Amino acid sequence: MRVKELYLHLAQACEHTAGITDLPDKRAGMLASAAVWRRLANAIRPSAEAVSTIQPDKLAVLQDLEADSVIFPFSSSKN
């Protein structure tokens, strides 16, 4: 899987989670995350994408996403 495909997959996972949550703050956060993943995907240059692929050990992340066990590196809680 190429990097752009991974980013688009992450965006879809965020949008899916936003669609099934009952928490407005979580929904807004997931939609914001999806927008960032889509911007990153669109920012990838074709020349970089041609040589860039996801290594097999990172495919486990995709399997976790498909199992709806997504872990995001941010929190919506305030300190």
N, C-alpha and C. Protein backbone atom coordinates (compact mmCIF):
# COMPACT_ATOMS: atom_id res chain seq x y z
N MET A 1 0.85 -1.18 0.00
CA MET A 1 0.00 0.00 0.00
C MET A 1 0.89 1.24 0.00
N ARG A 2 0.52 2.19 -0.77
CA ARG A 2 1.27 3.43 -0.86
C ARG A 2 0.83 4.39 0.24
N VAL A 3 1.69 5.36 0.49
CA VAL A 3 1.44 6.32 1.57
C VAL A 3 0.14 7.07 1.35
N LYS A 4 -0.10 7.52 0.13
CA LYS A 4 -1.34 8.26 -0.15
C LYS A 4 -2.56 7.40 0.16
N GLU A 5 -2.51 6.13 -0.21
CA GLU A 5 -3.63 5.22 0.06
C GLU A 5 -3.83 5.05 1.56
N LEU A 6 -2.73 4.98 2.31
CA LEU A 6 -2.83 4.87 3.76
C LEU A 6 -3.51 6.09 4.35
N TYR A 7 -3.08 7.28 3.93
CA TYR A 7 -3.68 8.52 4.44
C TYR A 7 -5.17 8.58 4.12
N LEU A 8 -5.54 8.19 2.92
CA LEU A 8 -6.95 8.20 2.56
C LEU A 8 -7.74 7.17 3.37
N HIS A 9 -7.12 6.04 3.65
CA HIS A 9 -7.76 5.02 4.48
C HIS A 9 -7.96 5.56 5.90
N LEU A 10 -6.97 6.26 6.43
CA LEU A 10 -7.10 6.85 7.76
C LEU A 10 -8.20 7.90 7.79
N ALA A 11 -8.31 8.69 6.72
CA ALA A 11 -9.39 9.68 6.63
C ALA A 11 -10.76 9.00 6.65
N GLN A 12 -10.88 7.91 5.91
CA GLN A 12 -12.15 7.17 5.89
C GLN A 12 -12.46 6.58 7.26
N ALA A 13 -11.44 6.09 7.95
CA ALA A 13 -11.66 5.54 9.29
C ALA A 13 -12.15 6.62 10.24
N CYS A 14 -11.57 7.81 10.14
CA CYS A 14 -12.01 8.93 10.98
C CYS A 14 -13.46 9.30 10.68
N GLU A 15 -13.79 9.36 9.40
CA GLU A 15 -15.15 9.71 9.01
C GLU A 15 -16.14 8.64 9.45
N HIS A 16 -15.74 7.39 9.37
CA HIS A 16 -16.61 6.30 9.84
C HIS A 16 -16.87 6.43 11.34
N THR A 17 -15.81 6.67 12.10
CA THR A 17 -15.95 6.82 13.55
C THR A 17 -16.83 8.02 13.88
N ALA A 18 -16.65 9.11 13.14
CA ALA A 18 -17.48 10.30 13.37
C ALA A 18 -18.95 9.99 13.11
N GLY A 19 -19.21 9.13 12.15
CA GLY A 19 -20.59 8.79 11.81
C GLY A 19 -21.29 7.90 12.81
N ILE A 20 -20.53 7.21 13.65
CA ILE A 20 -21.16 6.28 14.59
C ILE A 20 -21.08 6.73 16.04
N THR A 21 -20.40 7.84 16.31
CA THR A 21 -20.30 8.28 17.70
C THR A 21 -21.47 9.18 18.08
N ASP A 22 -21.82 9.13 19.35
CA ASP A 22 -22.89 9.98 19.86
C ASP A 22 -22.34 11.24 20.53
N LEU A 23 -21.02 11.32 20.64
CA LEU A 23 -20.40 12.44 21.34
C LEU A 23 -20.04 13.55 20.36
N PRO A 24 -20.64 14.73 20.49
CA PRO A 24 -20.38 15.82 19.55
C PRO A 24 -18.90 16.22 19.47
N ASP A 25 -18.21 16.26 20.61
CA ASP A 25 -16.80 16.63 20.60
C ASP A 25 -15.95 15.60 19.87
N LYS A 26 -16.28 14.34 20.07
CA LYS A 26 -15.54 13.28 19.38
C LYS A 26 -15.81 13.34 17.89
N ARG A 27 -17.06 13.57 17.51
CA ARG A 27 -17.41 13.67 16.10
C ARG A 27 -16.64 14.81 15.43
N ALA A 28 -16.61 15.96 16.08
CA ALA A 28 -15.89 17.10 15.52
C ALA A 28 -14.39 16.81 15.40
N GLY A 29 -13.83 16.18 16.40
CA GLY A 29 -12.41 15.83 16.37
C GLY A 29 -12.08 14.84 15.27
N MET A 30 -12.96 13.86 15.09
CA MET A 30 -12.72 12.85 14.05
C MET A 30 -12.83 13.47 12.66
N LEU A 31 -13.78 14.37 12.46
CA LEU A 31 -13.92 15.03 11.17
C LEU A 31 -12.74 15.95 10.89
N ALA A 32 -12.24 16.61 11.93
CA ALA A 32 -11.05 17.45 11.77
C ALA A 32 -9.84 16.59 11.42
N SER A 33 -9.72 15.44 12.05
CA SER A 33 -8.61 14.52 11.75
C SER A 33 -8.71 14.01 10.32
N ALA A 34 -9.92 13.69 9.89
CA ALA A 34 -10.11 13.22 8.52
C ALA A 34 -9.67 14.29 7.52
N ALA A 35 -9.99 15.54 7.81
CA ALA A 35 -9.60 16.62 6.91
C ALA A 35 -8.08 16.74 6.82
N VAL A 36 -7.40 16.55 7.94
CA VAL A 36 -5.93 16.61 7.94
C VAL A 36 -5.36 15.45 7.13
N TRP A 37 -5.88 14.24 7.33
CA TRP A 37 -5.39 13.09 6.56
C TRP A 37 -5.59 13.32 5.06
N ARG A 38 -6.72 13.89 4.68
CA ARG A 38 -6.97 14.15 3.26
C ARG A 38 -6.02 15.21 2.70
N ARG A 39 -5.74 16.25 3.50
CA ARG A 39 -4.78 17.27 3.05
C ARG A 39 -3.40 16.66 2.88
N LEU A 40 -3.00 15.80 3.81
CA LEU A 40 -1.71 15.14 3.70
C LEU A 40 -1.66 14.26 2.45
N ALA A 41 -2.73 13.53 2.19
CA ALA A 41 -2.78 12.68 1.01
C ALA A 41 -2.65 13.51 -0.26
N ASN A 42 -3.31 14.65 -0.29
CA ASN A 42 -3.26 15.50 -1.48
C ASN A 42 -1.92 16.21 -1.64
N ALA A 43 -1.16 16.30 -0.57
CA ALA A 43 0.13 16.99 -0.61
C ALA A 43 1.27 16.10 -1.11
N ILE A 44 1.02 14.81 -1.22
CA ILE A 44 2.07 13.90 -1.66
C ILE A 44 2.33 14.11 -3.14
N ARG A 45 3.60 14.32 -3.45
CA ARG A 45 4.00 14.53 -4.85
C ARG A 45 4.03 13.18 -5.56
N PRO A 46 3.64 13.16 -6.82
CA PRO A 46 3.66 11.90 -7.57
C PRO A 46 5.04 11.25 -7.61
N SER A 47 6.11 12.03 -7.70
CA SER A 47 7.45 11.45 -7.75
C SER A 47 7.80 10.74 -6.45
N ALA A 48 7.38 11.30 -5.33
CA ALA A 48 7.64 10.66 -4.03
C ALA A 48 6.77 9.42 -3.86
N GLU A 49 5.55 9.48 -4.35
CA GLU A 49 4.62 8.36 -4.22
C GLU A 49 5.09 7.16 -5.03
N ALA A 50 5.74 7.39 -6.16
CA ALA A 50 6.16 6.31 -7.03
C ALA A 50 7.16 5.38 -6.35
N VAL A 51 7.95 5.90 -5.43
CA VAL A 51 8.97 5.07 -4.78
C VAL A 51 8.63 4.76 -3.33
N SER A 52 7.56 5.30 -2.83
CA SER A 52 7.22 5.16 -1.42
C SER A 52 6.12 4.11 -1.23
N THR A 53 6.41 3.10 -0.45
CA THR A 53 5.40 2.09 -0.13
C THR A 53 5.41 1.84 1.37
N ILE A 54 4.31 1.33 1.87
CA ILE A 54 4.20 0.99 3.27
C ILE A 54 4.82 -0.38 3.49
N GLN A 55 5.67 -0.48 4.50
CA GLN A 55 6.34 -1.74 4.79
C GLN A 55 5.37 -2.71 5.47
N PRO A 56 5.64 -4.01 5.33
CA PRO A 56 4.71 -5.03 5.85
C PRO A 56 4.39 -4.87 7.34
N ASP A 57 5.35 -4.44 8.16
CA ASP A 57 5.07 -4.32 9.59
C ASP A 57 4.06 -3.21 9.87
N LYS A 58 3.95 -2.26 8.98
CA LYS A 58 2.99 -1.18 9.18
C LYS A 58 1.59 -1.58 8.73
N LEU A 59 1.47 -2.68 8.03
CA LEU A 59 0.16 -3.14 7.62
C LEU A 59 -0.69 -3.56 8.82
N ALA A 60 -0.04 -3.88 9.93
CA ALA A 60 -0.78 -4.21 11.15
C ALA A 60 -1.62 -3.03 11.60
N VAL A 61 -1.15 -1.81 11.35
CA VAL A 61 -1.92 -0.62 11.70
C VAL A 61 -3.23 -0.61 10.92
N LEU A 62 -3.14 -0.95 9.65
CA LEU A 62 -4.35 -0.98 8.82
C LEU A 62 -5.33 -2.04 9.30
N GLN A 63 -4.80 -3.17 9.71
CA GLN A 63 -5.66 -4.23 10.22
C GLN A 63 -6.37 -3.78 11.49
N ASP A 64 -5.67 -3.03 12.34
CA ASP A 64 -6.30 -2.49 13.54
C ASP A 64 -7.41 -1.50 13.18
N LEU A 65 -7.15 -0.67 12.16
CA LEU A 65 -8.16 0.28 11.73
C LEU A 65 -9.42 -0.43 11.25
N GLU A 66 -9.21 -1.48 10.49
CA GLU A 66 -10.36 -2.21 9.96
C GLU A 66 -11.12 -2.93 11.07
N ALA A 67 -10.46 -3.19 12.18
CA ALA A 67 -11.12 -3.83 13.31
C ALA A 67 -11.72 -2.80 14.27
N ASP A 68 -11.71 -1.52 13.85
CA ASP A 68 -12.25 -0.42 14.65
C ASP A 68 -11.55 -0.25 15.99
N SER A 69 -10.27 -0.59 16.04
CA SER A 69 -9.50 -0.35 17.27
C SER A 69 -8.48 0.74 17.00
N VAL A 70 -8.99 1.89 16.56
CA VAL A 70 -8.13 3.00 16.17
C VAL A 70 -7.61 3.72 17.41
N ILE A 71 -6.32 4.01 17.40
CA ILE A 71 -5.70 4.79 18.47
C ILE A 71 -5.15 6.05 17.83
N PHE A 72 -5.57 7.20 18.33
CA PHE A 72 -5.10 8.47 17.78
C PHE A 72 -4.17 9.14 18.77
N PRO A 73 -3.14 9.82 18.27
CA PRO A 73 -2.13 10.41 19.14
C PRO A 73 -2.53 11.74 19.74
N PHE A 74 -3.79 11.96 19.97
CA PHE A 74 -4.24 13.20 20.58
C PHE A 74 -5.43 12.91 21.47
N SER A 75 -5.72 13.86 22.30
CA SER A 75 -6.85 13.69 23.21
C SER A 75 -7.72 14.93 23.14
N SER A 76 -9.00 14.76 23.32
CA SER A 76 -9.90 15.92 23.32
C SER A 76 -10.11 16.47 24.72
N SER A 77 -9.48 15.85 25.71
CA SER A 77 -9.64 16.33 27.08
C SER A 77 -8.76 17.55 27.31
N LYS A 78 -9.23 18.44 28.19
CA LYS A 78 -8.49 19.66 28.49
C LYS A 78 -7.81 19.49 29.85
N ASN A 79 -6.60 20.06 29.94
CA ASN A 79 -5.85 19.99 31.21
C ASN A 79 -6.24 21.09 32.13
